[in-house]
């Protein structure tokens, strides 16, 4: 049930992130990326802080100073900054396609850092998912843009953030993690704006897009954080692939993008590999489920017959 809950939360987070990306791409036509990140981060901080205080949770947690959270902060800054640049400079469907390599990095990191066991069938499914990403990107072809490297760097940053989230102290709530994460967006935006300059007062339409981005982004962030703290990472993480489906639909409907046949075929391979990975993970858990019942029966029998065995 924990893995199923984590998978559902991941799909919800990916749908919300796709909407967030759409509004960021819209507002990037008026404001520089650094200013967008700063305003977005400030709005998210206000929302998470208000909800945390309403629930009686402290805004500060000693875990913020631990090594996993420091690494998470660095990964958050790099991932958000680079991927936002990719959204602003490249097609939404292309940037989202590159981002689909994130579960491969996360699953590999889960094996290395957390000792999770992944069967060869699930490794094969993940490899097929990566092959689907390559079908979409077609490296070396004329369709691959240099600005897409920002999406690659963003993908690596998000993978590091997700792994560090798993290592965060259990006592730290999702609201505290969200508040801390959005604070990193303010830092990332300030660094970018100091480098590029060009800040200006947003128009009414830009404020509307920023408000929608903040509201949807906080929902997505909270759902993603909760997803990475439930179940096996190697099962939950592949559902990040669904972001590609949502982003591609928005790219077609909102921005008039036209994915070619290779992009559609690669997307189908990615989604199929994610579904297969979930099925294999569910079967593995179902095979392990009777073990606690069997152990309970054996312990009960031993308690009832302890005197007889001793004699």
C-alpha atoms as a PDB file:
ATOM      1  CA  UNK A   1       0.000   0.000   0.000  1.00  0.00           C
ATOM      2  CA  UNK A   2       2.889   2.397   0.700  1.00  0.00           C
ATOM      3  CA  UNK A   3       4.298   1.838  -2.784  1.00  0.00           C
ATOM      4  CA  UNK A   4       0.858   2.258  -4.357  1.00  0.00           C
ATOM      5  CA  UNK A   5       0.339   5.505  -2.460  1.00  0.00           C
ATOM      6  CA  UNK A   6       3.749   6.764  -3.527  1.00  0.00           C
ATOM      7  CA  UNK A   7       2.987   5.947  -7.168  1.00  0.00           C
ATOM      8  CA  UNK A   8      -0.316   7.842  -7.086  1.00  0.00           C
ATOM      9  CA  UNK A   9       1.327  10.858  -5.482  1.00  0.00           C
ATOM     10  CA  UNK A  10       4.048  10.799  -8.143  1.00  0.00           C
ATOM     11  CA  UNK A  11       1.478  10.906 -10.983  1.00  0.00           C
ATOM     12  CA  UNK A  12      -0.349  13.776  -9.263  1.00  0.00           C
ATOM     13  CA  UNK A  13       2.924  15.648  -8.817  1.00  0.00           C
ATOM     14  CA  UNK A  14       3.896  15.178 -12.466  1.00  0.00           C
ATOM     15  CA  UNK A  15       0.556  16.501 -13.730  1.00  0.00           C
ATOM     16  CA  UNK A  16       0.908  19.567 -11.518  1.00  0.00           C
ATOM     17  CA  UNK A  17       4.544  20.093 -12.536  1.00  0.00           C
ATOM     18  CA  UNK A  18       3.550  20.034 -16.204  1.00  0.00           C
ATOM     19  CA  UNK A  19       1.002  22.788 -15.564  1.00  0.00           C
ATOM     20  CA  UNK A  20       3.607  24.717 -13.581  1.00  0.00           C
ATOM     21  CA  UNK A  21       6.057  24.465 -16.498  1.00  0.00           C
ATOM     22  CA  UNK A  22       3.400  25.735 -18.872  1.00  0.00           C
ATOM     23  CA  UNK A  23       2.781  28.885 -16.807  1.00  0.00           C
ATOM     24  CA  UNK A  24       6.514  29.463 -16.308  1.00  0.00           C
ATOM     25  CA  UNK A  25       7.039  29.298 -20.059  1.00  0.00           C
ATOM     26  CA  UNK A  26       4.229  31.811 -20.477  1.00  0.00           C
ATOM     27  CA  UNK A  27       5.573  34.301 -17.942  1.00  0.00           C
ATOM     28  CA  UNK A  28       9.139  33.869 -19.247  1.00  0.00           C
ATOM     29  CA  UNK A  29       8.010  35.826 -22.301  1.00  0.00           C
ATOM     30  CA  UNK A  30       7.814  38.922 -20.069  1.00  0.00           C
ATOM     31  CA  UNK A  31      10.224  38.395 -17.147  1.00  0.00           C
ATOM     32  CA  UNK A  32      13.782  37.043 -16.786  1.00  0.00           C
ATOM     33  CA  UNK A  33      14.195  33.540 -15.379  1.00  0.00           C
ATOM     34  CA  UNK A  34      15.916  34.764 -12.215  1.00  0.00           C
ATOM     35  CA  UNK A  35      13.040  37.054 -11.289  1.00  0.00           C
ATOM     36  CA  UNK A  36      10.519  34.290 -11.977  1.00  0.00           C
ATOM     37  CA  UNK A  37      12.333  31.917  -9.631  1.00  0.00           C
ATOM     38  CA  UNK A  38      12.582  34.554  -6.897  1.00  0.00           C
ATOM     39  CA  UNK A  39       8.891  35.458  -6.988  1.00  0.00           C
ATOM     40  CA  UNK A  40       7.871  31.822  -7.331  1.00  0.00           C
ATOM     41  CA  UNK A  41      10.063  30.845  -4.390  1.00  0.00           C
ATOM     42  CA  UNK A  42       8.761  33.657  -2.183  1.00  0.00           C
ATOM     43  CA  UNK A  43       5.163  32.723  -2.941  1.00  0.00           C
ATOM     44  CA  UNK A  44       5.802  29.068  -2.157  1.00  0.00           C
ATOM     45  CA  UNK A  45       7.549  29.965   1.099  1.00  0.00           C
ATOM     46  CA  UNK A  46       4.550  32.037   2.216  1.00  0.00           C
ATOM     47  CA  UNK A  47       2.106  29.210   1.471  1.00  0.00           C
ATOM     48  CA  UNK A  48       4.144  26.471   3.153  1.00  0.00           C
ATOM     49  CA  UNK A  49       4.916  28.681   6.165  1.00  0.00           C
ATOM     50  CA  UNK A  50       1.238  29.592   6.619  1.00  0.00           C
ATOM     51  CA  UNK A  51       0.073  25.958   6.417  1.00  0.00           C
ATOM     52  CA  UNK A  52       2.859  24.792   8.754  1.00  0.00           C
ATOM     53  CA  UNK A  53       1.989  27.409  11.377  1.00  0.00           C
ATOM     54  CA  UNK A  54      -1.723  26.599  11.054  1.00  0.00           C
ATOM     55  CA  UNK A  55      -0.898  22.975  11.862  1.00  0.00           C
ATOM     56  CA  UNK A  56       1.341  23.977  14.759  1.00  0.00           C
ATOM     57  CA  UNK A  57       4.574  22.890  13.070  1.00  0.00           C
ATOM     58  CA  UNK A  58       7.775  24.872  13.678  1.00  0.00           C
ATOM     59  CA  UNK A  59       9.269  26.579  10.649  1.00  0.00           C
ATOM     60  CA  UNK A  60      12.803  25.627  11.626  1.00  0.00           C
ATOM     61  CA  UNK A  61      14.093  22.072  11.973  1.00  0.00           C
ATOM     62  CA  UNK A  62      17.598  21.083  13.120  1.00  0.00           C
ATOM     63  CA  UNK A  63      17.749  18.725  10.147  1.00  0.00           C
ATOM     64  CA  UNK A  64      18.197  21.723   7.848  1.00  0.00           C
ATOM     65  CA  UNK A  65      21.857  21.781   8.871  1.00  0.00           C
ATOM     66  CA  UNK A  66      22.513  18.082   8.235  1.00  0.00           C
ATOM     67  CA  UNK A  67      24.566  16.829   5.318  1.00  0.00           C
ATOM     68  CA  UNK A  68      21.627  15.319   3.347  1.00  0.00           C
ATOM     69  CA  UNK A  69      19.725  18.608   3.469  1.00  0.00           C
ATOM     70  CA  UNK A  70      22.784  20.637   2.474  1.00  0.00           C
ATOM     71  CA  UNK A  71      23.280  18.353  -0.530  1.00  0.00           C
ATOM     72  CA  UNK A  72      19.561  18.579  -1.256  1.00  0.00           C
ATOM     73  CA  UNK A  73      19.797  22.365  -1.255  1.00  0.00           C
ATOM     74  CA  UNK A  74      22.653  22.412  -3.751  1.00  0.00           C
ATOM     75  CA  UNK A  75      20.850  19.935  -5.995  1.00  0.00           C
ATOM     76  CA  UNK A  76      17.616  21.940  -5.713  1.00  0.00           C
ATOM     77  CA  UNK A  77      19.319  25.178  -6.775  1.00  0.00           C
ATOM     78  CA  UNK A  78      21.075  23.543  -9.731  1.00  0.00           C
ATOM     79  CA  UNK A  79      18.030  21.563 -10.855  1.00  0.00           C
ATOM     80  CA  UNK A  80      15.513  24.391 -10.658  1.00  0.00           C
ATOM     81  CA  UNK A  81      17.741  27.009 -12.272  1.00  0.00           C
ATOM     82  CA  UNK A  82      18.887  24.843 -15.165  1.00  0.00           C
ATOM     83  CA  UNK A  83      15.510  23.313 -15.926  1.00  0.00           C
ATOM     84  CA  UNK A  84      13.737  26.671 -15.810  1.00  0.00           C
ATOM     85  CA  UNK A  85      16.247  27.951 -18.364  1.00  0.00           C
ATOM     86  CA  UNK A  86      15.503  24.887 -20.492  1.00  0.00           C
ATOM     87  CA  UNK A  87      11.748  25.558 -20.326  1.00  0.00           C
ATOM     88  CA  UNK A  88      12.249  29.185 -21.358  1.00  0.00           C
ATOM     89  CA  UNK A  89      14.686  28.464 -24.213  1.00  0.00           C
ATOM     90  CA  UNK A  90      13.520  25.126 -25.665  1.00  0.00           C
ATOM     91  CA  UNK A  91      10.160  23.489 -26.520  1.00  0.00           C
ATOM     92  CA  UNK A  92       8.238  22.244 -23.490  1.00  0.00           C
ATOM     93  CA  UNK A  93       7.948  18.719 -24.916  1.00  0.00           C
ATOM     94  CA  UNK A  94      11.722  18.526 -25.591  1.00  0.00           C
ATOM     95  CA  UNK A  95      12.733  19.725 -22.117  1.00  0.00           C
ATOM     96  CA  UNK A  96      10.257  17.350 -20.477  1.00  0.00           C
ATOM     97  CA  UNK A  97      11.555  14.459 -22.592  1.00  0.00           C
ATOM     98  CA  UNK A  98      15.118  14.975 -21.355  1.00  0.00           C
ATOM     99  CA  UNK A  99      13.814  15.135 -17.799  1.00  0.00           C
ATOM    100  CA  UNK A 100      12.511  11.569 -18.148  1.00  0.00           C
ATOM    101  CA  UNK A 101      16.022  10.233 -17.552  1.00  0.00           C
ATOM    102  CA  UNK A 102      15.657  11.285 -13.897  1.00  0.00           C
ATOM    103  CA  UNK A 103      14.116   7.983 -12.675  1.00  0.00           C
ATOM    104  CA  UNK A 104      17.050   6.054 -14.125  1.00  0.00           C
ATOM    105  CA  UNK A 105      19.496   8.112 -12.090  1.00  0.00           C
ATOM    106  CA  UNK A 106      17.279   7.921  -8.998  1.00  0.00           C
ATOM    107  CA  UNK A 107      16.817   4.138  -9.270  1.00  0.00           C
ATOM    108  CA  UNK A 108      20.541   3.618  -9.695  1.00  0.00           C
ATOM    109  CA  UNK A 109      21.234   5.881  -6.745  1.00  0.00           C
ATOM    110  CA  UNK A 110      18.713   3.960  -4.623  1.00  0.00           C
ATOM    111  CA  UNK A 111      20.691   0.771  -5.220  1.00  0.00           C
ATOM    112  CA  UNK A 112      24.030   2.428  -4.455  1.00  0.00           C
ATOM    113  CA  UNK A 113      23.046   4.560  -1.446  1.00  0.00           C
ATOM    114  CA  UNK A 114      20.045   2.758   0.087  1.00  0.00           C
ATOM    115  CA  UNK A 115      20.731  -0.866  -0.821  1.00  0.00           C
ATOM    116  CA  UNK A 116      17.401  -1.437  -2.575  1.00  0.00           C
ATOM    117  CA  UNK A 117      17.130  -4.669  -4.548  1.00  0.00           C
ATOM    118  CA  UNK A 118      16.158  -4.396  -8.215  1.00  0.00           C
ATOM    119  CA  UNK A 119      15.540  -7.499 -10.310  1.00  0.00           C
ATOM    120  CA  UNK A 120      16.971  -7.894 -13.792  1.00  0.00           C
ATOM    121  CA  UNK A 121      13.488  -7.554 -15.282  1.00  0.00           C
ATOM    122  CA  UNK A 122      13.007  -4.145 -13.672  1.00  0.00           C
ATOM    123  CA  UNK A 123      16.514  -3.119 -14.762  1.00  0.00           C
ATOM    124  CA  UNK A 124      15.532  -4.135 -18.292  1.00  0.00           C
ATOM    125  CA  UNK A 125      12.338  -2.087 -18.096  1.00  0.00           C
ATOM    126  CA  UNK A 126      14.320   0.953 -16.923  1.00  0.00           C
ATOM    127  CA  UNK A 127      16.807   0.452 -19.751  1.00  0.00           C
ATOM    128  CA  UNK A 128      13.934   0.348 -22.244  1.00  0.00           C
ATOM    129  CA  UNK A 129      12.634   3.571 -20.749  1.00  0.00           C
ATOM    130  CA  UNK A 130      16.015   5.188 -21.300  1.00  0.00           C
ATOM    131  CA  UNK A 131      15.984   3.877 -24.885  1.00  0.00           C
ATOM    132  CA  UNK A 132      12.620   5.594 -25.322  1.00  0.00           C
ATOM    133  CA  UNK A 133      14.166   8.877 -24.158  1.00  0.00           C
ATOM    134  CA  UNK A 134      16.942   8.453 -26.738  1.00  0.00           C
ATOM    135  CA  UNK A 135      14.323   7.839 -29.418  1.00  0.00           C
ATOM    136  CA  UNK A 136      12.815  11.207 -28.549  1.00  0.00           C
ATOM    137  CA  UNK A 137      16.105  13.096 -28.312  1.00  0.00           C
ATOM    138  CA  UNK A 138      17.970  11.472 -31.227  1.00  0.00           C
ATOM    139  CA  UNK A 139      21.385  12.798 -30.112  1.00  0.00           C
ATOM    140  CA  UNK A 140      23.586  14.084 -32.895  1.00  0.00           C
ATOM    141  CA  UNK A 141      20.654  14.910 -35.153  1.00  0.00           C
ATOM    142  CA  UNK A 142      19.601  18.382 -36.244  1.00  0.00           C
ATOM    143  CA  UNK A 143      16.687  18.280 -33.819  1.00  0.00           C
ATOM    144  CA  UNK A 144      18.937  18.331 -30.746  1.00  0.00           C
ATOM    145  CA  UNK A 145      19.450  21.891 -29.478  1.00  0.00           C
ATOM    146  CA  UNK A 146      22.479  23.104 -27.506  1.00  0.00           C
ATOM    147  CA  UNK A 147      20.181  24.740 -24.948  1.00  0.00           C
ATOM    148  CA  UNK A 148      18.880  21.257 -24.154  1.00  0.00           C
ATOM    149  CA  UNK A 149      22.017  20.788 -22.053  1.00  0.00           C
ATOM    150  CA  UNK A 150      20.292  22.957 -19.447  1.00  0.00           C
ATOM    151  CA  UNK A 151      17.589  20.276 -19.233  1.00  0.00           C
ATOM    152  CA  UNK A 152      20.259  17.589 -18.740  1.00  0.00           C
ATOM    153  CA  UNK A 153      21.840  19.542 -15.872  1.00  0.00           C
ATOM    154  CA  UNK A 154      18.393  20.151 -14.404  1.00  0.00           C
ATOM    155  CA  UNK A 155      17.618  16.452 -14.590  1.00  0.00           C
ATOM    156  CA  UNK A 156      20.780  15.584 -12.650  1.00  0.00           C
ATOM    157  CA  UNK A 157      19.920  18.195 -10.039  1.00  0.00           C
ATOM    158  CA  UNK A 158      16.397  16.850  -9.559  1.00  0.00           C
ATOM    159  CA  UNK A 159      17.706  13.290  -9.201  1.00  0.00           C
ATOM    160  CA  UNK A 160      20.107  14.411  -6.483  1.00  0.00           C
ATOM    161  CA  UNK A 161      17.311  16.282  -4.737  1.00  0.00           C
ATOM    162  CA  UNK A 162      15.022  13.244  -4.725  1.00  0.00           C
ATOM    163  CA  UNK A 163      17.719  10.964  -3.338  1.00  0.00           C
ATOM    164  CA  UNK A 164      18.604  13.469  -0.618  1.00  0.00           C
ATOM    165  CA  UNK A 165      14.901  13.792   0.247  1.00  0.00           C
ATOM    166  CA  UNK A 166      14.844  10.054   0.946  1.00  0.00           C
ATOM    167  CA  UNK A 167      17.778  10.507   3.350  1.00  0.00           C
ATOM    168  CA  UNK A 168      16.131  13.432   5.179  1.00  0.00           C
ATOM    169  CA  UNK A 169      15.324  12.911   8.890  1.00  0.00           C
ATOM    170  CA  UNK A 170      12.009  11.131   9.411  1.00  0.00           C
ATOM    171  CA  UNK A 171      10.966  13.757  11.955  1.00  0.00           C
ATOM    172  CA  UNK A 172      11.053  16.448   9.260  1.00  0.00           C
ATOM    173  CA  UNK A 173       7.585  17.039   7.795  1.00  0.00           C
ATOM    174  CA  UNK A 174       6.707  17.559   4.143  1.00  0.00           C
ATOM    175  CA  UNK A 175       5.750  21.162   4.918  1.00  0.00           C
ATOM    176  CA  UNK A 176       9.169  21.866   6.402  1.00  0.00           C
ATOM    177  CA  UNK A 177      10.870  20.285   3.400  1.00  0.00           C
ATOM    178  CA  UNK A 178       8.683  22.329   1.071  1.00  0.00           C
ATOM    179  CA  UNK A 179       9.475  25.564   2.885  1.00  0.00           C
ATOM    180  CA  UNK A 180      13.174  24.790   2.723  1.00  0.00           C
ATOM    181  CA  UNK A 181      12.985  23.840  -0.957  1.00  0.00           C
ATOM    182  CA  UNK A 182      11.223  27.044  -1.989  1.00  0.00           C
ATOM    183  CA  UNK A 183      13.787  29.048  -0.036  1.00  0.00           C
ATOM    184  CA  UNK A 184      16.381  27.493  -2.344  1.00  0.00           C
ATOM    185  CA  UNK A 185      14.410  28.796  -5.335  1.00  0.00           C
ATOM    186  CA  UNK A 186      14.800  32.340  -3.996  1.00  0.00           C
ATOM    187  CA  UNK A 187      18.551  31.803  -3.758  1.00  0.00           C
ATOM    188  CA  UNK A 188      18.728  30.309  -7.249  1.00  0.00           C
ATOM    189  CA  UNK A 189      16.687  33.170  -8.666  1.00  0.00           C
ATOM    190  CA  UNK A 190      18.814  35.803  -6.924  1.00  0.00           C
ATOM    191  CA  UNK A 191      21.991  34.274  -8.354  1.00  0.00           C
ATOM    192  CA  UNK A 192      20.537  34.181 -11.860  1.00  0.00           C
ATOM    193  CA  UNK A 193      19.134  37.711 -11.678  1.00  0.00           C
ATOM    194  CA  UNK A 194      22.437  39.088 -10.357  1.00  0.00           C
ATOM    195  CA  UNK A 195      24.169  37.511 -13.352  1.00  0.00           C
ATOM    196  CA  UNK A 196      21.734  38.515 -16.085  1.00  0.00           C
ATOM    197  CA  UNK A 197      19.934  41.570 -14.700  1.00  0.00           C
ATOM    198  CA  UNK A 198      16.864  42.877 -16.501  1.00  0.00           C
ATOM    199  CA  UNK A 199      14.306  42.694 -13.705  1.00  0.00           C
ATOM    200  CA  UNK A 200      11.063  44.670 -14.087  1.00  0.00           C
ATOM    201  CA  UNK A 201       7.655  45.119 -12.460  1.00  0.00           C
ATOM    202  CA  UNK A 202       5.346  42.291 -13.648  1.00  0.00           C
ATOM    203  CA  UNK A 203       2.218  43.073 -15.633  1.00  0.00           C
ATOM    204  CA  UNK A 204      -1.238  42.009 -14.474  1.00  0.00           C
ATOM    205  CA  UNK A 205      -1.099  38.934 -16.707  1.00  0.00           C
ATOM    206  CA  UNK A 206       2.356  38.040 -15.391  1.00  0.00           C
ATOM    207  CA  UNK A 207       1.102  38.308 -11.799  1.00  0.00           C
ATOM    208  CA  UNK A 208      -1.775  35.975 -12.689  1.00  0.00           C
ATOM    209  CA  UNK A 209       0.588  33.411 -14.210  1.00  0.00           C
ATOM    210  CA  UNK A 210       2.928  33.695 -11.217  1.00  0.00           C
ATOM    211  CA  UNK A 211       0.022  33.150  -8.825  1.00  0.00           C
ATOM    212  CA  UNK A 212      -1.119  30.045 -10.693  1.00  0.00           C
ATOM    213  CA  UNK A 213       2.471  28.818 -10.878  1.00  0.00           C
ATOM    214  CA  UNK A 214       2.892  29.233  -7.124  1.00  0.00           C
ATOM    215  CA  UNK A 215      -0.346  27.511  -6.176  1.00  0.00           C
ATOM    216  CA  UNK A 216       0.118  24.577  -8.526  1.00  0.00           C
ATOM    217  CA  UNK A 217       3.835  24.371  -7.764  1.00  0.00           C
ATOM    218  CA  UNK A 218       3.302  24.037  -4.017  1.00  0.00           C
ATOM    219  CA  UNK A 219       0.808  21.233  -4.633  1.00  0.00           C
ATOM    220  CA  UNK A 220       3.259  19.494  -6.957  1.00  0.00           C
ATOM    221  CA  UNK A 221       6.190  19.936  -4.594  1.00  0.00           C
ATOM    222  CA  UNK A 222       4.310  18.558  -1.611  1.00  0.00           C
ATOM    223  CA  UNK A 223       3.052  15.566  -3.607  1.00  0.00           C
ATOM    224  CA  UNK A 224       6.548  14.812  -4.935  1.00  0.00           C
ATOM    225  CA  UNK A 225       8.134  15.035  -1.489  1.00  0.00           C
ATOM    226  CA  UNK A 226       5.482  12.691  -0.067  1.00  0.00           C
ATOM    227  CA  UNK A 227       5.903  10.289  -2.999  1.00  0.00           C
ATOM    228  CA  UNK A 228       9.661   9.985  -2.451  1.00  0.00           C
ATOM    229  CA  UNK A 229       9.065   9.093   1.208  1.00  0.00           C
ATOM    230  CA  UNK A 230       6.607   6.242   0.531  1.00  0.00           C
ATOM    231  CA  UNK A 231       7.475   2.811  -0.849  1.00  0.00           C
ATOM    232  CA  UNK A 232      10.450   1.748  -2.922  1.00  0.00           C
ATOM    233  CA  UNK A 233      12.154   4.452  -4.941  1.00  0.00           C
ATOM    234  CA  UNK A 234      12.828   2.029  -7.792  1.00  0.00           C
ATOM    235  CA  UNK A 235       9.057   1.465  -8.166  1.00  0.00           C
ATOM    236  CA  UNK A 236       7.759   4.973  -7.453  1.00  0.00           C
ATOM    237  CA  UNK A 237      10.373   6.896  -9.461  1.00  0.00           C
ATOM    238  CA  UNK A 238       9.452   5.538 -12.940  1.00  0.00           C
ATOM    239  CA  UNK A 239       6.056   7.213 -12.663  1.00  0.00           C
ATOM    240  CA  UNK A 240       7.887  10.462 -13.235  1.00  0.00           C
ATOM    241  CA  UNK A 241       7.583   9.397 -16.891  1.00  0.00           C
ATOM    242  CA  UNK A 242       3.953  10.499 -16.855  1.00  0.00           C
ATOM    243  CA  UNK A 243       5.159  14.091 -16.824  1.00  0.00           C
ATOM    244  CA  UNK A 244       6.126  13.614 -20.454  1.00  0.00           C
ATOM    245  CA  UNK A 245       2.556  12.716 -21.403  1.00  0.00           C
ATOM    246  CA  UNK A 246       1.102  15.750 -19.619  1.00  0.00           C
ATOM    247  CA  UNK A 247       3.785  18.097 -20.972  1.00  0.00           C
ATOM    248  CA  UNK A 248       3.365  16.826 -24.520  1.00  0.00           C
ATOM    249  CA  UNK A 249      -0.383  17.367 -24.374  1.00  0.00           C
ATOM    250  CA  UNK A 250       0.077  20.914 -23.071  1.00  0.00           C
ATOM    251  CA  UNK A 251       2.760  21.590 -25.678  1.00  0.00           C
ATOM    252  CA  UNK A 252       0.363  20.631 -28.456  1.00  0.00           C
ATOM    253  CA  UNK A 253      -2.727  22.360 -27.068  1.00  0.00           C
ATOM    254  CA  UNK A 254      -1.136  25.559 -25.716  1.00  0.00           C
ATOM    255  CA  UNK A 255       2.067  26.175 -27.669  1.00  0.00           C
ATOM    256  CA  UNK A 256       1.204  24.496 -30.967  1.00  0.00           C
ATOM    257  CA  UNK A 257       4.088  21.999 -30.798  1.00  0.00           C
ATOM    258  CA  UNK A 258       3.899  19.029 -33.150  1.00  0.00           C
ATOM    259  CA  UNK A 259       5.776  15.953 -31.849  1.00  0.00           C
ATOM    260  CA  UNK A 260       6.916  13.674 -34.665  1.00  0.00           C
ATOM    261  CA  UNK A 261       6.407   9.906 -34.916  1.00  0.00           C
ATOM    262  CA  UNK A 262       9.710   9.112 -33.158  1.00  0.00           C
ATOM    263  CA  UNK A 263       8.698  11.283 -30.215  1.00  0.00           C
ATOM    264  CA  UNK A 264       5.328   9.575 -29.922  1.00  0.00           C
ATOM    265  CA  UNK A 265       6.869   6.104 -30.215  1.00  0.00           C
ATOM    266  CA  UNK A 266       9.526   6.899 -27.635  1.00  0.00           C
ATOM    267  CA  UNK A 267       6.871   8.227 -25.264  1.00  0.00           C
ATOM    268  CA  UNK A 268       4.910   4.975 -25.588  1.00  0.00           C
ATOM    269  CA  UNK A 269       8.038   2.955 -24.749  1.00  0.00           C
ATOM    270  CA  UNK A 270       8.717   5.108 -21.682  1.00  0.00           C
ATOM    271  CA  UNK A 271       5.192   4.816 -20.314  1.00  0.00           C
ATOM    272  CA  UNK A 272       5.092   1.042 -20.981  1.00  0.00           C
ATOM    273  CA  UNK A 273       8.371   0.524 -19.118  1.00  0.00           C
ATOM    274  CA  UNK A 274       7.051   2.465 -16.138  1.00  0.00           C
ATOM    275  CA  UNK A 275       3.868   0.397 -15.965  1.00  0.00           C
ATOM    276  CA  UNK A 276       5.845  -2.845 -16.243  1.00  0.00           C
ATOM    277  CA  UNK A 277       8.146  -1.720 -13.425  1.00  0.00           C
ATOM    278  CA  UNK A 278       5.151  -1.111 -11.158  1.00  0.00           C
ATOM    279  CA  UNK A 279       3.695  -4.535 -11.958  1.00  0.00           C
ATOM    280  CA  UNK A 280       6.970  -6.279 -11.177  1.00  0.00           C
ATOM    281  CA  UNK A 281       7.319  -4.332  -7.923  1.00  0.00           C
ATOM    282  CA  UNK A 282       3.764  -5.207  -6.879  1.00  0.00           C
ATOM    283  CA  UNK A 283       4.336  -8.916  -7.566  1.00  0.00           C
ATOM    284  CA  UNK A 284       7.537  -8.858  -5.548  1.00  0.00           C
ATOM    285  CA  UNK A 285       5.738  -7.300  -2.581  1.00  0.00           C
ATOM    286  CA  UNK A 286       2.847  -9.773  -2.863  1.00  0.00           C
ATOM    287  CA  UNK A 287       5.312 -12.683  -2.699  1.00  0.00           C
ATOM    288  CA  UNK A 288       6.889 -11.230   0.431  1.00  0.00           C
ATOM    289  CA  UNK A 289       3.585 -10.385   2.143  1.00  0.00           C
ATOM    290  CA  UNK A 290       2.809 -13.877   3.616  1.00  0.00           C
ATOM    291  CA  UNK A 291       6.124 -13.942   5.498  1.00  0.00           C
ATOM    292  CA  UNK A 292       4.952 -11.959   8.559  1.00  0.00           C
ATOM    293  CA  UNK A 293       1.809 -14.140   8.856  1.00  0.00           C
ATOM    294  CA  UNK A 294       3.893 -17.292   8.678  1.00  0.00           C
ATOM    295  CA  UNK A 295       6.254 -15.978  11.317  1.00  0.00           C
ATOM    296  CA  UNK A 296       3.294 -15.112  13.568  1.00  0.00           C
ATOM    297  CA  UNK A 297       1.841 -18.629  13.242  1.00  0.00           C
ATOM    298  CA  UNK A 298       5.197 -20.230  14.066  1.00  0.00           C
ATOM    299  CA  UNK A 299       5.686 -17.982  17.119  1.00  0.00           C
ATOM    300  CA  UNK A 300       2.161 -18.745  18.358  1.00  0.00           C
ATOM    301  CA  UNK A 301       2.739 -22.496  17.993  1.00  0.00           C
ATOM    302  CA  UNK A 302       6.048 -22.269  19.878  1.00  0.00           C
ATOM    303  CA  UNK A 303       4.430 -20.338  22.741  1.00  0.00           C
ATOM    304  CA  UNK A 304       1.650 -22.903  23.084  1.00  0.00           C
ATOM    305  CA  UNK A 305       4.016 -25.865  23.022  1.00  0.00           C
ATOM    306  CA  UNK A 306       6.995 -24.380  24.880  1.00  0.00           C
ATOM    307  CA  UNK A 307       6.431 -26.521  27.977  1.00  0.00           C
ATOM    308  CA  UNK A 308       6.020 -29.708  25.927  1.00  0.00           C
ATOM    309  CA  UNK A 309       9.170 -29.006  23.934  1.00  0.00           C
ATOM    310  CA  UNK A 310      11.192 -28.319  27.088  1.00  0.00           C
ATOM    311  CA  UNK A 311      10.101 -31.608  28.649  1.00  0.00           C
END
